[in-house]
PDB file of N, CA and C in Angstrom:
ATOM      1  N   MET A   1     -22.531-103.183 -59.918  1.00  0.00           N
ATOM      2  CA  MET A   1     -23.015-103.404 -61.015  1.00  0.00           C
ATOM      3  C   MET A   1     -24.607-104.022 -60.918  1.00  0.00           C
ATOM      4  N   LYS A   2     -25.010-104.431 -60.078  1.00  0.00           N
ATOM      5  CA  LYS A   2     -26.390-104.759 -59.612  1.00  0.00           C
ATOM      6  C   LYS A   2     -27.514-104.032 -59.293  1.00  0.00           C
ATOM      7  N   LYS A   3     -26.949-102.754 -58.161  1.00  0.00           N
ATOM      8  CA  LYS A   3     -27.478-102.535 -58.209  1.00  0.00           C
ATOM      9  C   LYS A   3     -27.854-101.180 -59.047  1.00  0.00           C
ATOM     10  N   PHE A   4     -27.381-100.689 -60.441  1.00  0.00           N
ATOM     11  CA  PHE A   4     -27.086-100.040 -61.312  1.00  0.00           C
ATOM     12  C   PHE A   4     -28.036-101.420 -62.474  1.00  0.00           C
ATOM     13  N   ALA A   5     -27.947-102.110 -62.445  1.00  0.00           N
ATOM     14  CA  ALA A   5     -29.405-103.165 -62.979  1.00  0.00           C
ATOM     15  C   ALA A   5     -30.004-103.213 -62.880  1.00  0.00           C
ATOM     16  N   ALA A   6     -30.465-103.256 -61.747  1.00  0.00           N
ATOM     17  CA  ALA A   6     -31.469-102.937 -61.604  1.00  0.00           C
ATOM     18  C   ALA A   6     -32.172-101.759 -61.143  1.00  0.00           C
ATOM     19  N   PHE A   7     -31.658-100.555 -61.143  1.00  0.00           N
ATOM     20  CA  PHE A   7     -32.378 -99.170 -61.522  1.00  0.00           C
ATOM     21  C   PHE A   7     -32.554 -99.348 -62.748  1.00  0.00           C
ATOM     22  N   MET A   8     -32.324 -99.631 -63.957  1.00  0.00           N
ATOM     23  CA  MET A   8     -31.200 -99.624 -65.430  1.00  0.00           C
ATOM     24  C   MET A   8     -33.974-100.206 -65.656  1.00  0.00           C
ATOM     25  N   VAL A   9     -33.539-101.374 -64.742  1.00  0.00           N
ATOM     26  CA  VAL A   9     -35.035-102.224 -64.599  1.00  0.00           C
ATOM     27  C   VAL A   9     -36.098-101.358 -64.598  1.00  0.00           C
ATOM     28  N   VAL A  10     -35.729-100.708 -63.375  1.00  0.00           N
ATOM     29  CA  VAL A  10     -36.713-100.018 -62.561  1.00  0.00           C
ATOM     30  C   VAL A  10     -37.556 -98.907 -63.555  1.00  0.00           C
ATOM     31  N   ALA A  11     -36.453 -97.834 -63.792  1.00  0.00           N
ATOM     32  CA  ALA A  11     -36.611 -96.848 -63.993  1.00  0.00           C
ATOM     33  C   ALA A  11     -37.489 -97.716 -65.993  1.00  0.00           C
ATOM     34  N   MET A  12     -36.421 -98.104 -66.849  1.00  0.00           N
ATOM     35  CA  MET A  12     -37.157 -98.840 -67.735  1.00  0.00           C
ATOM     36  C   MET A  12     -39.054 -99.372 -67.622  1.00  0.00           C
ATOM     37  N   ALA A  13     -38.884 -99.950 -66.847  1.00  0.00           N
ATOM     38  CA  ALA A  13     -40.411 -99.783 -66.272  1.00  0.00           C
ATOM     39  C   ALA A  13     -41.267 -98.971 -66.279  1.00  0.00           C
ATOM     40  N   VAL A  14     -40.467 -97.950 -65.105  1.00  0.00           N
ATOM     41  CA  VAL A  14     -41.559 -96.761 -65.462  1.00  0.00           C
ATOM     42  C   VAL A  14     -42.670 -95.888 -66.292  1.00  0.00           C
ATOM     43  N   VAL A  15     -41.166 -95.668 -67.165  1.00  0.00           N
ATOM     44  CA  VAL A  15     -41.011 -95.042 -69.046  1.00  0.00           C
ATOM     45  C   VAL A  15     -41.986 -95.877 -69.122  1.00  0.00           C
ATOM     46  N   PHE A  16     -41.852 -97.527 -69.092  1.00  0.00           N
ATOM     47  CA  PHE A  16     -42.991 -97.893 -70.642  1.00  0.00           C
ATOM     48  C   PHE A  16     -44.347 -97.543 -69.365  1.00  0.00           C
ATOM     49  N   ALA A  17     -43.867 -97.531 -68.433  1.00  0.00           N
ATOM     50  CA  ALA A  17     -45.810 -97.405 -68.177  1.00  0.00           C
ATOM     51  C   ALA A  17     -46.692 -95.735 -67.894  1.00  0.00           C
ATOM     52  N   PHE A  18     -46.061 -95.178 -68.533  1.00  0.00           N
ATOM     53  CA  PHE A  18     -45.892 -93.886 -68.496  1.00  0.00           C
ATOM     54  C   PHE A  18     -46.373 -93.578 -69.958  1.00  0.00           C
ATOM     55  N   GLY A  19     -45.146 -93.997 -70.423  1.00  0.00           N
ATOM     56  CA  GLY A  19     -45.898 -94.003 -72.009  1.00  0.00           C
ATOM     57  C   GLY A  19     -47.321 -95.168 -72.650  1.00  0.00           C
ATOM     58  N   THR A  20     -47.185 -95.951 -71.970  1.00  0.00           N
ATOM     59  CA  THR A  20     -48.731 -96.491 -72.442  1.00  0.00           C
ATOM     60  C   THR A  20     -50.171 -95.690 -71.466  1.00  0.00           C
ATOM     61  N   ALA A  21     -49.610 -95.162 -70.444  1.00  0.00           N
ATOM     62  CA  ALA A  21     -51.055 -94.535 -69.548  1.00  0.00           C
ATOM     63  C   ALA A  21     -50.873 -93.584 -70.587  1.00  0.00           C
ATOM     64  N   PHE A  22     -50.001 -92.670 -71.051  1.00  0.00           N
ATOM     65  CA  PHE A  22     -50.209 -91.826 -71.898  1.00  0.00           C
ATOM     66  C   PHE A  22     -50.244 -91.608 -72.771  1.00  0.00           C
ATOM     67  N   ALA A  23     -50.982 -92.936 -74.063  1.00  0.00           N
ATOM     68  CA  ALA A  23     -51.089 -92.902 -75.172  1.00  0.00           C
ATOM     69  C   ALA A  23     -51.346 -92.147 -75.760  1.00  0.00           C
ATOM     70  N   VAL A  24     -51.441 -91.145 -76.719  1.00  0.00           N
ATOM     71  CA  VAL A  24     -52.452 -90.999 -77.574  1.00  0.00           C
ATOM     72  C   VAL A  24     -53.316 -90.983 -78.858  1.00  0.00           C
ATOM     73  N   ASN A  25     -54.580 -91.384 -78.184  1.00  0.00           N
ATOM     74  CA  ASN A  25     -55.822 -91.961 -78.678  1.00  0.00           C
ATOM     75  C   ASN A  25     -56.377 -90.497 -80.130  1.00  0.00           C
ATOM     76  N   PRO A  26     -57.036 -90.444 -81.160  1.00  0.00           N
ATOM     77  CA  PRO A  26     -57.020 -89.986 -81.470  1.00  0.00           C
ATOM     78  C   PRO A  26     -58.527 -88.813 -81.134  1.00  0.00           C
ATOM     79  N   ASP A  27     -58.246 -87.988 -81.595  1.00  0.00           N
ATOM     80  CA  ASP A  27     -60.437 -88.200 -81.032  1.00  0.00           C
ATOM     81  C   ASP A  27     -61.085 -88.169 -82.844  1.00  0.00           C
ATOM     82  N   LYS A  28     -60.455 -87.756 -83.310  1.00  0.00           N
ATOM     83  CA  LYS A  28     -61.371 -88.365 -84.979  1.00  0.00           C
ATOM     84  C   LYS A  28     -60.205 -89.349 -86.190  1.00  0.00           C
ATOM     85  N   ILE A  29     -60.728 -89.585 -86.471  1.00  0.00           N
ATOM     86  CA  ILE A  29     -60.318 -89.694 -87.998  1.00  0.00           C
ATOM     87  C   ILE A  29     -60.477 -89.901 -89.624  1.00  0.00           C
ATOM     88  N   SER A  30     -59.656 -89.836 -90.021  1.00  0.00           N
ATOM     89  CA  SER A  30     -60.083 -90.004 -91.627  1.00  0.00           C
ATOM     90  C   SER A  30     -59.792 -91.416 -91.796  1.00  0.00           C
ATOM     91  N   ILE A  31     -60.968 -91.960 -92.308  1.00  0.00           N
ATOM     92  CA  ILE A  31     -60.278 -93.099 -92.384  1.00  0.00           C
ATOM     93  C   ILE A  31     -59.594 -92.896 -94.829  1.00  0.00           C
ATOM     94  N   ASP A  32     -59.152 -92.306 -95.433  1.00  0.00           N
ATOM     95  CA  ASP A  32     -58.681 -92.180 -96.586  1.00  0.00           C
ATOM     96  C   ASP A  32     -57.695 -93.079 -98.019  1.00  0.00           C
ATOM     97  N   LYS A  33     -56.912 -93.835 -96.908  1.00  0.00           N
ATOM     98  CA  LYS A  33     -55.634 -93.612 -97.512  1.00  0.00           C
ATOM     99  C   LYS A  33     -56.205 -95.265 -98.873  1.00  0.00           C
ATOM    100  N   PHE A  34     -56.683 -95.755 -98.847  1.00  0.00           N
ATOM    101  CA  PHE A  34     -57.843 -96.702 -99.268  1.00  0.00           C
ATOM    102  C   PHE A  34     -59.020 -96.478-100.361  1.00  0.00           C
ATOM    103  N   LYS A  35     -59.992 -95.165-100.541  1.00  0.00           N
ATOM    104  CA  LYS A  35     -60.446 -94.860-101.707  1.00  0.00           C
ATOM    105  C   LYS A  35     -60.065 -94.479-102.663  1.00  0.00           C
ATOM    106  N   LYS A  36     -61.205 -95.447-103.732  1.00  0.00           N
ATOM    107  CA  LYS A  36     -60.817 -95.060-105.334  1.00  0.00           C
ATOM    108  C   LYS A  36     -62.184 -94.378-106.075  1.00  0.00           C
ATOM    109  N   THR A  37     -63.853 -95.308-105.347  1.00  0.00           N
ATOM    110  CA  THR A  37     -64.533 -93.886-106.182  1.00  0.00           C
ATOM    111  C   THR A  37     -65.788 -93.650-104.090  1.00  0.00           C
ATOM    112  N   LYS A  38     -64.921 -93.982-103.859  1.00  0.00           N
ATOM    113  CA  LYS A  38     -65.728 -93.253-102.581  1.00  0.00           C
ATOM    114  C   LYS A  38     -65.113 -92.113-101.925  1.00  0.00           C
ATOM    115  N   GLY A  39     -65.883 -90.786-101.151  1.00  0.00           N
ATOM    116  CA  GLY A  39     -64.920 -90.087-100.273  1.00  0.00           C
ATOM    117  C   GLY A  39     -64.467 -91.310 -98.901  1.00  0.00           C
ATOM    118  N   ALA A  40     -63.272 -90.554 -98.223  1.00  0.00           N
ATOM    119  CA  ALA A  40     -63.442 -91.006 -97.288  1.00  0.00           C
ATOM    120  C   ALA A  40     -63.502 -90.980 -95.752  1.00  0.00           C
ATOM    121  N   VAL A  41     -63.924 -91.816 -95.527  1.00  0.00           N
ATOM    122  CA  VAL A  41     -64.785 -91.674 -94.132  1.00  0.00           C
ATOM    123  C   VAL A  41     -64.545 -91.148 -92.536  1.00  0.00           C
ATOM    124  N   ALA A  42     -65.235 -89.911 -92.268  1.00  0.00           N
ATOM    125  CA  ALA A  42     -65.019 -89.597 -91.073  1.00  0.00           C
ATOM    126  C   ALA A  42     -65.384 -89.780 -90.388  1.00  0.00           C
ATOM    127  N   PHE A  43     -64.242 -90.588 -89.660  1.00  0.00           N
ATOM    128  CA  PHE A  43     -64.187 -91.981 -88.027  1.00  0.00           C
ATOM    129  C   PHE A  43     -64.193 -90.707 -87.198  1.00  0.00           C
ATOM    130  N   ASP A  44     -65.628 -90.865 -86.021  1.00  0.00           N
ATOM    131  CA  ASP A  44     -65.195 -90.661 -84.694  1.00  0.00           C
ATOM    132  C   ASP A  44     -64.691 -91.523 -83.132  1.00  0.00           C
ATOM    133  N   HIS A  45     -64.210 -91.428 -83.422  1.00  0.00           N
ATOM    134  CA  HIS A  45     -62.743 -92.701 -82.468  1.00  0.00           C
ATOM    135  C   HIS A  45     -63.600 -92.669 -80.915  1.00  0.00           C
ATOM    136  N   LYS A  46     -62.869 -90.997 -80.417  1.00  0.00           N
ATOM    137  CA  LYS A  46     -63.583 -90.712 -79.720  1.00  0.00           C
ATOM    138  C   LYS A  46     -65.070 -91.206 -79.119  1.00  0.00           C
ATOM    139  N   LYS A  47     -66.071 -90.915 -79.186  1.00  0.00           N
ATOM    140  CA  LYS A  47     -67.060 -91.395 -80.021  1.00  0.00           C
ATOM    141  C   LYS A  47     -67.199 -92.951 -79.345  1.00  0.00           C
ATOM    142  N   HIS A  48     -66.860 -93.791 -80.075  1.00  0.00           N
ATOM    143  CA  HIS A  48     -66.014 -95.521 -80.378  1.00  0.00           C
ATOM    144  C   HIS A  48     -65.612 -95.977 -79.002  1.00  0.00           C
ATOM    145  N   GLN A  49     -64.839 -95.183 -78.797  1.00  0.00           N
ATOM    146  CA  GLN A  49     -64.432 -95.673 -77.585  1.00  0.00           C
ATOM    147  C   GLN A  49     -65.175 -95.477 -76.306  1.00  0.00           C
ATOM    148  N   GLY A  50     -66.184 -94.972 -76.225  1.00  0.00           N
ATOM    149  CA  GLY A  50     -67.902 -94.521 -75.237  1.00  0.00           C
ATOM    150  C   GLY A  50     -68.336 -95.639 -75.481  1.00  0.00           C
ATOM    151  N   ILE A  51     -68.537 -96.203 -76.733  1.00  0.00           N
ATOM    152  CA  ILE A  51     -69.269 -97.573 -77.083  1.00  0.00           C
ATOM    153  C   ILE A  51     -69.203 -98.449 -77.096  1.00  0.00           C
ATOM    154  N   ALA A  52     -68.093 -99.358 -77.851  1.00  0.00           N
ATOM    155  CA  ALA A  52     -67.165-100.801 -76.831  1.00  0.00           C
ATOM    156  C   ALA A  52     -66.743-100.720 -75.852  1.00  0.00           C
ATOM    157  N   LYS A  53     -67.393-102.038 -75.171  1.00  0.00           N
ATOM    158  CA  LYS A  53     -66.439-102.197 -74.000  1.00  0.00           C
ATOM    159  C   LYS A  53     -65.478-102.307 -73.812  1.00  0.00           C
ATOM    160  N   ALA A  54     -64.314-102.232 -74.613  1.00  0.00           N
ATOM    161  CA  ALA A  54     -62.366-102.548 -74.713  1.00  0.00           C
ATOM    162  C   ALA A  54     -61.962-103.004 -76.651  1.00  0.00           C
ATOM    163  N   CYS A  55     -60.854-101.880 -75.836  1.00  0.00           N
ATOM    164  CA  CYS A  55     -60.648-101.995 -77.533  1.00  0.00           C
ATOM    165  C   CYS A  55     -60.157-102.562 -78.369  1.00  0.00           C
ATOM    166  N   LYS A  56     -60.051-103.991 -77.826  1.00  0.00           N
ATOM    167  CA  LYS A  56     -60.457-105.086 -78.383  1.00  0.00           C
ATOM    168  C   LYS A  56     -61.789-105.823 -79.383  1.00  0.00           C
ATOM    169  N   ASP A  57     -62.426-104.786 -78.800  1.00  0.00           N
ATOM    170  CA  ASP A  57     -63.866-105.102 -79.689  1.00  0.00           C
ATOM    171  C   ASP A  57     -64.099-104.687 -81.491  1.00  0.00           C
ATOM    172  N   CYS A  58     -62.751-103.432 -81.188  1.00  0.00           N
ATOM    173  CA  CYS A  58     -62.812-103.399 -82.977  1.00  0.00           C
ATOM    174  C   CYS A  58     -61.242-103.560 -83.425  1.00  0.00           C
ATOM    175  N   HIS A  59     -59.809-102.993 -82.392  1.00  0.00           N
ATOM    176  CA  HIS A  59     -59.058-103.882 -82.510  1.00  0.00           C
ATOM    177  C   HIS A  59     -58.338-105.488 -82.292  1.00  0.00           C
ATOM    178  N   HIS A  60     -57.970-105.960 -83.417  1.00  0.00           N
ATOM    179  CA  HIS A  60     -57.803-107.185 -83.171  1.00  0.00           C
ATOM    180  C   HIS A  60     -55.673-107.490 -83.000  1.00  0.00           C
ATOM    181  N   LYS A  61     -55.233-108.007 -82.537  1.00  0.00           N
ATOM    182  CA  LYS A  61     -54.164-107.686 -81.953  1.00  0.00           C
ATOM    183  C   LYS A  61     -53.618-108.971 -83.904  1.00  0.00           C
ATOM    184  N   ASP A  62     -51.798-108.453 -84.108  1.00  0.00           N
ATOM    185  CA  ASP A  62     -51.969-109.288 -85.017  1.00  0.00           C
ATOM    186  C   ASP A  62     -50.506-110.256 -84.358  1.00  0.00           C
ATOM    187  N   GLU A  63     -48.969-111.158 -85.079  1.00  0.00           N
ATOM    188  CA  GLU A  63     -48.935-112.485 -84.950  1.00  0.00           C
ATOM    189  C   GLU A  63     -48.330-112.244 -83.432  1.00  0.00           C
ATOM    190  N   VAL A  64     -47.700-110.889 -82.762  1.00  0.00           N
ATOM    191  CA  VAL A  64     -47.070-110.976 -82.047  1.00  0.00           C
ATOM    192  C   VAL A  64     -47.453-110.446 -81.143  1.00  0.00           C
ATOM    193  N   ASN A  65     -48.659-110.022 -81.092  1.00  0.00           N
ATOM    194  CA  ASN A  65     -49.301-109.269 -80.501  1.00  0.00           C
ATOM    195  C   ASN A  65     -49.358-107.841 -79.495  1.00  0.00           C
ATOM    196  N   LYS A  66     -49.158-107.562 -80.699  1.00  0.00           N
ATOM    197  CA  LYS A  66     -49.154-105.638 -80.513  1.00  0.00           C
ATOM    198  C   LYS A  66     -49.475-105.457 -81.081  1.00  0.00           C
ATOM    199  N   GLU A  67     -50.833-103.985 -81.218  1.00  0.00           N
ATOM    200  CA  GLU A  67     -51.642-103.464 -82.152  1.00  0.00           C
ATOM    201  C   GLU A  67     -50.439-102.889 -82.952  1.00  0.00           C
ATOM    202  N   SER A  68     -51.312-102.614 -84.058  1.00  0.00           N
ATOM    203  CA  SER A  68     -50.694-102.293 -85.100  1.00  0.00           C
ATOM    204  C   SER A  68     -51.613-101.880 -86.077  1.00  0.00           C
ATOM    205  N   LYS A  69     -51.280-101.056 -87.382  1.00  0.00           N
ATOM    206  CA  LYS A  69     -52.148-100.222 -88.212  1.00  0.00           C
ATOM    207  C   LYS A  69     -52.659-101.216 -89.057  1.00  0.00           C
ATOM    208  N   CYS A  70     -54.166-101.053 -89.199  1.00  0.00           N
ATOM    209  CA  CYS A  70     -54.573-101.518 -90.633  1.00  0.00           C
ATOM    210  C   CYS A  70     -53.791-102.284 -91.566  1.00  0.00           C
ATOM    211  N   SER A  71     -52.998-101.128 -91.851  1.00  0.00           N
ATOM    212  CA  SER A  71     -52.789-101.502 -93.176  1.00  0.00           C
ATOM    213  C   SER A  71     -51.202-101.693 -92.971  1.00  0.00           C
ATOM    214  N   GLY A  72     -50.999-102.521 -92.063  1.00  0.00           N
ATOM    215  CA  GLY A  72     -49.984-103.327 -91.520  1.00  0.00           C
ATOM    216  C   GLY A  72     -50.061-104.837 -92.164  1.00  0.00           C
ATOM    217  N   CYS A  73     -51.820-105.483 -92.348  1.00  0.00           N
ATOM    218  CA  CYS A  73     -52.265-106.942 -92.878  1.00  0.00           C
ATOM    219  C   CYS A  73     -52.695-106.536 -93.802  1.00  0.00           C
ATOM    220  N   HIS A  74     -54.383-105.187 -93.467  1.00  0.00           N
ATOM    221  CA  HIS A  74     -54.887-105.453 -94.514  1.00  0.00           C
ATOM    222  C   HIS A  74     -54.632-104.134 -95.437  1.00  0.00           C
ATOM    223  N   GLY A  75     -53.456-104.591 -96.859  1.00  0.00           N
ATOM    224  CA  GLY A  75     -53.088-103.571 -97.491  1.00  0.00           C
ATOM    225  C   GLY A  75     -54.215-103.435 -98.510  1.00  0.00           C
ATOM    226  N   GLU A  76     -53.766-102.895-100.071  1.00  0.00           N
ATOM    227  CA  GLU A  76     -55.027-102.709-100.984  1.00  0.00           C
ATOM    228  C   GLU A  76     -55.294-104.842-102.069  1.00  0.00           C
ATOM    229  N   LYS A  77     -54.467-104.734-101.356  1.00  0.00           N
ATOM    230  CA  LYS A  77     -54.745-106.200-102.547  1.00  0.00           C
ATOM    231  C   LYS A  77     -54.202-107.326-101.087  1.00  0.00           C
ATOM    232  N   ALA A  78     -55.279-108.077-101.128  1.00  0.00           N
ATOM    233  CA  ALA A  78     -54.788-109.163 -99.214  1.00  0.00           C
ATOM    234  C   ALA A  78     -54.456-110.380-100.115  1.00  0.00           C
ATOM    235  N   ASP A  79     -53.246-111.641 -99.079  1.00  0.00           N
ATOM    236  CA  ASP A  79     -52.424-112.439 -99.585  1.00  0.00           C
ATOM    237  C   ASP A  79     -53.128-113.263-100.358  1.00  0.00           C
ATOM    238  N   GLY A  80     -54.515-113.111 -99.921  1.00  0.00           N
ATOM    239  CA  GLY A  80     -55.036-114.560 -99.611  1.00  0.00           C
ATOM    240  C   GLY A  80     -55.909-115.050 -98.358  1.00  0.00           C
ATOM    241  N   LYS A  81     -54.740-114.922 -97.178  1.00  0.00           N
ATOM    242  CA  LYS A  81     -55.486-114.911 -96.225  1.00  0.00           C
ATOM    243  C   LYS A  81     -55.588-113.770 -95.166  1.00  0.00           C
ATOM    244  N   LYS A  82     -55.401-112.559 -95.164  1.00  0.00           N
ATOM    245  CA  LYS A  82     -56.129-111.954 -94.653  1.00  0.00           C
ATOM    246  C   LYS A  82     -56.700-110.721 -95.956  1.00  0.00           C
ATOM    247  N   LEU A  83     -58.211-109.818 -94.935  1.00  0.00           N
ATOM    248  CA  LEU A  83     -58.677-109.474 -96.064  1.00  0.00           C
ATOM    249  C   LEU A  83     -58.704-108.418 -96.154  1.00  0.00           C
ATOM    250  N   GLU A  84     -58.683-107.608 -97.680  1.00  0.00           N
ATOM    251  CA  GLU A  84     -57.888-106.485 -97.988  1.00  0.00           C
ATOM    252  C   GLU A  84     -58.744-105.613 -97.201  1.00  0.00           C
ATOM    253  N   ALA A  85     -58.247-104.000 -96.970  1.00  0.00           N
ATOM    254  CA  ALA A  85     -58.937-103.122 -95.978  1.00  0.00           C
ATOM    255  C   ALA A  85     -59.856-103.167 -95.589  1.00  0.00           C
ATOM    256  N   LYS A  86     -60.857-102.374 -97.469  1.00  0.00           N
ATOM    257  CA  LYS A  86     -62.303-101.701 -97.421  1.00  0.00           C
ATOM    258  C   LYS A  86     -62.783-103.057 -97.016  1.00  0.00           C
ATOM    259  N   GLU A  87     -62.747-104.570 -97.575  1.00  0.00           N
ATOM    260  CA  GLU A  87     -63.518-105.403 -96.991  1.00  0.00           C
ATOM    261  C   GLU A  87     -63.353-105.907 -95.077  1.00  0.00           C
ATOM    262  N   ALA A  88     -62.173-105.405 -95.470  1.00  0.00           N
ATOM    263  CA  ALA A  88     -62.029-104.688 -93.616  1.00  0.00           C
ATOM    264  C   ALA A  88     -62.221-104.041 -92.909  1.00  0.00           C
ATOM    265  N   PHE A  89     -62.530-103.451 -93.056  1.00  0.00           N
ATOM    266  CA  PHE A  89     -63.280-102.137 -92.673  1.00  0.00           C
ATOM    267  C   PHE A  89     -64.717-102.495 -92.913  1.00  0.00           C
ATOM    268  N   HIS A  90     -65.464-102.836 -93.946  1.00  0.00           N
ATOM    269  CA  HIS A  90     -66.710-103.093 -94.085  1.00  0.00           C
ATOM    270  C   HIS A  90     -66.952-104.529 -92.766  1.00  0.00           C
ATOM    271  N   LYS A  91     -66.377-105.597 -93.046  1.00  0.00           N
ATOM    272  CA  LYS A  91     -67.298-106.309 -92.183  1.00  0.00           C
ATOM    273  C   LYS A  91     -67.033-106.176 -91.019  1.00  0.00           C
ATOM    274  N   GLN A  92     -66.251-104.882 -89.990  1.00  0.00           N
ATOM    275  CA  GLN A  92     -66.094-104.913 -88.298  1.00  0.00           C
ATOM    276  C   GLN A  92     -66.583-103.736 -88.824  1.00  0.00           C
ATOM    277  N   CYS A  93     -66.983-102.365 -89.692  1.00  0.00           N
ATOM    278  CA  CYS A  93     -67.730-101.544 -89.081  1.00  0.00           C
ATOM    279  C   CYS A  93     -69.204-101.597 -89.363  1.00  0.00           C
ATOM    280  N   LYS A  94     -69.847-102.207 -90.913  1.00  0.00           N
ATOM    281  CA  LYS A  94     -71.007-102.195 -91.149  1.00  0.00           C
ATOM    282  C   LYS A  94     -71.699-103.835 -90.670  1.00  0.00           C
ATOM    283  N   GLY A  95     -70.339-104.603 -89.755  1.00  0.00           N
ATOM    284  CA  GLY A  95     -70.955-105.847 -89.507  1.00  0.00           C
ATOM    285  C   GLY A  95     -71.503-104.874 -87.916  1.00  0.00           C
ATOM    286  N   CYS A  96     -70.584-104.601 -86.996  1.00  0.00           N
ATOM    287  CA  CYS A  96     -71.317-104.348 -85.832  1.00  0.00           C
ATOM    288  C   CYS A  96     -72.789-102.662 -85.480  1.00  0.00           C
ATOM    289  N   HIS A  97     -72.639-101.989 -86.677  1.00  0.00           N
ATOM    290  CA  HIS A  97     -73.393-101.166 -87.406  1.00  0.00           C
ATOM    291  C   HIS A  97     -74.653-101.524 -87.542  1.00  0.00           C
ATOM    292  N   THR A  98     -75.311-103.167 -88.730  1.00  0.00           N
ATOM    293  CA  THR A  98     -76.624-103.438 -88.996  1.00  0.00           C
ATOM    294  C   THR A  98     -76.547-104.705 -87.139  1.00  0.00           C
ATOM    295  N   THR A  99     -75.924-105.649 -86.971  1.00  0.00           N
ATOM    296  CA  THR A  99     -76.009-105.681 -85.438  1.00  0.00           C
ATOM    297  C   THR A  99     -76.466-105.343 -84.041  1.00  0.00           C
ATOM    298  N   SER A 100     -76.154-104.084 -83.988  1.00  0.00           N
ATOM    299  CA  SER A 100     -76.021-103.146 -82.832  1.00  0.00           C
ATOM    300  C   SER A 100     -77.511-101.991 -83.586  1.00  0.00           C
ATOM    301  N   LYS A 101     -77.845-102.709 -84.804  1.00  0.00           N
ATOM    302  CA  LYS A 101     -79.414-101.466 -85.210  1.00  0.00           C
ATOM    303  C   LYS A 101     -78.763-100.391 -85.241  1.00  0.00           C
ATOM    304  N   LYS A 102     -77.911 -99.528 -84.757  1.00  0.00           N
ATOM    305  CA  LYS A 102     -77.333 -98.064 -84.727  1.00  0.00           C
ATOM    306  C   LYS A 102     -75.721 -98.127 -85.363  1.00  0.00           C
ATOM    307  N   GLY A 103     -76.705 -96.900 -85.758  1.00  0.00           N
ATOM    308  CA  GLY A 103     -75.396 -96.415 -86.670  1.00  0.00           C
ATOM    309  C   GLY A 103     -75.037 -96.476 -88.583  1.00  0.00           C
ATOM    310  N   PRO A 104     -74.731 -95.842 -89.452  1.00  0.00           N
ATOM    311  CA  PRO A 104     -74.671 -95.693 -90.887  1.00  0.00           C
ATOM    312  C   PRO A 104     -74.360 -97.198 -91.893  1.00  0.00           C
ATOM    313  N   THR A 105     -75.036 -97.770 -92.036  1.00  0.00           N
ATOM    314  CA  THR A 105     -74.730 -99.582 -92.936  1.00  0.00           C
ATOM    315  C   THR A 105     -74.846 -99.329 -94.375  1.00  0.00           C
ATOM    316  N   LYS A 106     -75.322 -97.928 -94.849  1.00  0.00           N
ATOM    317  CA  LYS A 106     -75.150 -97.327 -96.566  1.00  0.00           C
ATOM    318  C   LYS A 106     -73.947 -96.632 -96.951  1.00  0.00           C
ATOM    319  N   CYS A 107     -73.131 -96.885 -98.139  1.00  0.00           N
ATOM    320  CA  CYS A 107     -71.907 -96.075 -98.836  1.00  0.00           C
ATOM    321  C   CYS A 107     -72.383 -94.628 -98.351  1.00  0.00           C
ATOM    322  N   ASP A 108     -73.433 -93.635 -98.184  1.00  0.00           N
ATOM    323  CA  ASP A 108     -72.698 -92.221 -98.998  1.00  0.00           C
ATOM    324  C   ASP A 108     -73.122 -91.988 -97.297  1.00  0.00           C
ATOM    325  N   GLU A 109     -73.529 -92.972 -96.803  1.00  0.00           N
ATOM    326  CA  GLU A 109     -74.267 -92.429 -95.266  1.00  0.00           C
ATOM    327  C   GLU A 109     -72.304 -92.808 -94.108  1.00  0.00           C
ATOM    328  N   CYS A 110     -71.794 -93.016 -94.193  1.00  0.00           N
ATOM    329  CA  CYS A 110     -70.663 -92.869 -94.194  1.00  0.00           C
ATOM    330  C   CYS A 110     -69.191 -92.424 -94.780  1.00  0.00           C
ATOM    331  N   HIS A 111     -69.177 -91.954 -96.047  1.00  0.00           N
ATOM    332  CA  HIS A 111     -68.718 -91.907 -97.189  1.00  0.00           C
ATOM    333  C   HIS A 111     -68.661 -90.615 -97.733  1.00  0.00           C
ATOM    334  N   ALA A 112     -68.417 -89.509 -97.794  1.00  0.00           N
ATOM    335  CA  ALA A 112     -68.162 -88.384 -97.842  1.00  0.00           C
ATOM    336  C   ALA A 112     -68.628 -87.973 -99.521  1.00  0.00           C
ATOM    337  N   LYS A 113     -69.061 -87.508 -99.899  1.00  0.00           N
ATOM    338  CA  LYS A 113     -69.143 -87.700-101.016  1.00  0.00           C
ATOM    339  C   LYS A 113     -68.209 -86.715-102.359  1.00  0.00           C
ATOM    340  N   LYS A 114     -67.960 -87.477-103.322  1.00  0.00           N
ATOM    341  CA  LYS A 114     -66.576 -86.470-103.744  1.00  0.00           C
ATOM    342  C   LYS A 114     -66.885 -85.425-104.299  1.00  0.00           C
TER     343      LYS A 114
END
């Protein structure tokens, strides 16, 4: 019984390590869920992975220390403690572009025209 339990622990660790090592990160993302007046943003994830020093430079962790989708916390209406999705994206993306003096900072430079 102990050998079986040890085998299961090792097997689960291998499966978990394999899955996280080959996690799929999309090259390009269309941020369009929260569009109201402007068009979708065509986001080049692969390009930004090469610019950022670490994933956490753009992605923050939720309370249980797991990556989650932005929309998990940042919806169309914030709860008062968290930013709305639009505000969160603008703060993160536009803030980095302004600080680095690289990348678009005006609406039509990111948002596709409708």
